C-alpha atoms as a PDB file:
ATOM      1  CA  MET A   1     128.710 139.931 149.877  1.00  0.00           C
ATOM      2  CA  ASN A   2     125.044 139.961 149.715  1.00  0.00           C
ATOM      3  CA  ALA A   3     122.494 137.097 149.671  1.00  0.00           C
ATOM      4  CA  LEU A   4     121.834 137.112 145.849  1.00  0.00           C
ATOM      5  CA  GLN A   5     125.700 137.016 145.180  1.00  0.00           C
ATOM      6  CA  SER A   6     126.083 133.977 147.684  1.00  0.00           C
ATOM      7  CA  ILE A   7     123.255 132.168 145.422  1.00  0.00           C
ATOM      8  CA  MET A   8     124.291 133.128 141.849  1.00  0.00           C
ATOM      9  CA  LEU A   9     126.945 131.137 140.185  1.00  0.00           C
ATOM     10  CA  SER A  10     129.277 132.064 137.263  1.00  0.00           C
ATOM     11  CA  CYS A  11     128.925 130.542 134.222  1.00  0.00           C
ATOM     12  CA  SER A  12     132.073 128.514 134.766  1.00  0.00           C
ATOM     13  CA  LYS A  13     130.568 127.024 137.968  1.00  0.00           C
ATOM     14  CA  ALA A  14     127.224 126.554 136.487  1.00  0.00           C
ATOM     15  CA  THR A  15     128.894 124.263 133.665  1.00  0.00           C
ATOM     16  CA  GLU A  16     130.833 122.357 136.449  1.00  0.00           C
ATOM     17  CA  TYR A  17     127.474 122.006 138.412  1.00  0.00           C
ATOM     18  CA  LEU A  18     125.629 120.540 135.140  1.00  0.00           C
ATOM     19  CA  ASN A  19     128.511 117.954 134.893  1.00  0.00           C
ATOM     20  CA  LEU A  20     128.250 117.090 138.537  1.00  0.00           C
ATOM     21  CA  ARG A  21     124.551 116.849 138.296  1.00  0.00           C
ATOM     22  CA  GLU A  22     124.997 114.111 135.745  1.00  0.00           C
ATOM     23  CA  GLU A  23     126.884 112.156 138.453  1.00  0.00           C
ATOM     24  CA  ASN A  24     124.089 112.960 141.155  1.00  0.00           C
ATOM     25  CA  ALA A  25     126.702 114.912 143.097  1.00  0.00           C
ATOM     26  CA  LEU A  26     125.145 118.052 143.916  1.00  0.00           C
ATOM     27  CA  ASN A  27     123.780 118.722 147.352  1.00  0.00           C
ATOM     28  CA  ARG A  28     120.522 120.892 147.745  1.00  0.00           C
ATOM     29  CA  LYS A  29     122.180 124.373 147.801  1.00  0.00           C
ATOM     30  CA  GLN A  30     124.267 123.521 144.615  1.00  0.00           C
ATOM     31  CA  SER A  31     121.177 122.372 142.998  1.00  0.00           C
ATOM     32  CA  LEU A  32     119.103 125.344 143.883  1.00  0.00           C
ATOM     33  CA  GLN A  33     122.038 127.647 142.664  1.00  0.00           C
ATOM     34  CA  LEU A  34     122.215 125.919 139.355  1.00  0.00           C
ATOM     35  CA  LYS A  35     118.476 126.247 138.654  1.00  0.00           C
ATOM     36  CA  MET A  36     118.548 130.017 139.531  1.00  0.00           C
ATOM     37  CA  HIS A  37     121.432 130.401 137.155  1.00  0.00           C
ATOM     38  CA  LEU A  38     119.770 128.278 134.399  1.00  0.00           C
ATOM     39  CA  LEU A  39     116.617 130.627 134.806  1.00  0.00           C
ATOM     40  CA  ALA A  40     118.677 133.803 134.102  1.00  0.00           C
ATOM     41  CA  CYS A  41     121.482 132.452 131.846  1.00  0.00           C
ATOM     42  CA  LYS A  42     120.481 131.515 128.264  1.00  0.00           C
ATOM     43  CA  THR A  43     123.799 130.402 127.304  1.00  0.00           C
ATOM     44  CA  CYS A  44     124.169 128.028 129.994  1.00  0.00           C
ATOM     45  CA  LYS A  45     120.370 126.795 129.362  1.00  0.00           C
ATOM     46  CA  ALA A  46     121.551 126.164 125.781  1.00  0.00           C
ATOM     47  CA  TYR A  47     124.681 124.381 126.922  1.00  0.00           C
ATOM     48  CA  GLU A  48     122.317 122.137 129.231  1.00  0.00           C
ATOM     49  CA  THR A  49     120.205 121.404 126.218  1.00  0.00           C
ATOM     50  CA  GLN A  50     123.236 120.507 123.914  1.00  0.00           C
ATOM     51  CA  SER A  51     124.675 118.265 126.755  1.00  0.00           C
ATOM     52  CA  GLU A  52     121.393 116.416 127.132  1.00  0.00           C
ATOM     53  CA  THR A  53     121.165 116.055 123.385  1.00  0.00           C
ATOM     54  CA  ILE A  54     124.642 114.624 122.956  1.00  0.00           C
ATOM     55  CA  LYS A  55     123.855 112.219 126.028  1.00  0.00           C
ATOM     56  CA  LYS A  56     120.925 111.056 124.249  1.00  0.00           C
ATOM     57  CA  MET A  57     122.988 110.725 120.988  1.00  0.00           C
ATOM     58  CA  PHE A  58     125.775 108.651 122.776  1.00  0.00           C
ATOM     59  CA  GLY A  59     123.094 106.427 124.415  1.00  0.00           C
ATOM     60  CA  VAL A  60     121.446 105.403 121.098  1.00  0.00           C
ATOM     61  CA  PHE A  61     124.841 105.065 119.351  1.00  0.00           C
ATOM     62  CA  LYS A  62     126.108 102.815 122.161  1.00  0.00           C
ATOM     63  CA  SER A  63     122.980 100.810 122.237  1.00  0.00           C
ATOM     64  CA  GLU A  64     123.140 100.180 118.449  1.00  0.00           C
ATOM     65  CA  ALA A  65     126.800  99.371 118.694  1.00  0.00           C
ATOM     66  CA  GLN A  66     125.935  96.833 121.491  1.00  0.00           C
ATOM     67  CA  LYS A  67     123.410  95.233 119.001  1.00  0.00           C
ATOM     68  CA  GLU A  68     125.856  94.967 116.165  1.00  0.00           C
ATOM     69  CA  ASN A  69     128.350  93.068 118.734  1.00  0.00           C
ATOM     70  CA  GLU A  70     125.838  90.552 120.010  1.00  0.00           C
ATOM     71  CA  PRO A  71     126.979  87.992 117.302  1.00  0.00           C
ATOM     72  CA  LEU A  72     130.441  88.617 117.879  1.00  0.00           C
ATOM     73  CA  LYS A  73     129.947  88.007 121.823  1.00  0.00           C
ATOM     74  CA  GLU A  74     128.103  84.829 120.895  1.00  0.00           C
ATOM     75  CA  SER A  75     131.162  83.672 118.750  1.00  0.00           C
ATOM     76  CA  ILE A  76     133.651  84.472 121.396  1.00  0.00           C
ATOM     77  CA  LYS A  77     131.578  82.632 124.015  1.00  0.00           C
ATOM     78  CA  THR A  78     131.246  79.648 121.862  1.00  0.00           C
ATOM     79  CA  ASN A  79     135.069  79.543 121.040  1.00  0.00           C
ATOM     80  CA  ILE A  80     135.784  79.623 124.899  1.00  0.00           C
ATOM     81  CA  GLU A  81     133.475  76.984 125.576  1.00  0.00           C
ATOM     82  CA  LYS A  82     135.073  74.818 122.985  1.00  0.00           C
ATOM     83  CA  LEU A  83     138.481  75.180 125.016  1.00  0.00           C
END
């Protein structure tokens, strides 16, 4: 195995590393391998972009849902305090 083969990832491994990166679970070598792969692979770069978009959309949705539930939380708190 040459040096380049030891650095380059398969697309399957790259998507696994993208998910691990979200959990801050990549070491330096893995991070470098992922960066190299993303520079060379448009498909995995698109996957990364889509994943980030979905994460942002979910964060907005979660934030909005929490705002909508605030009155409910207060009424539950009030009912508990009455007990």
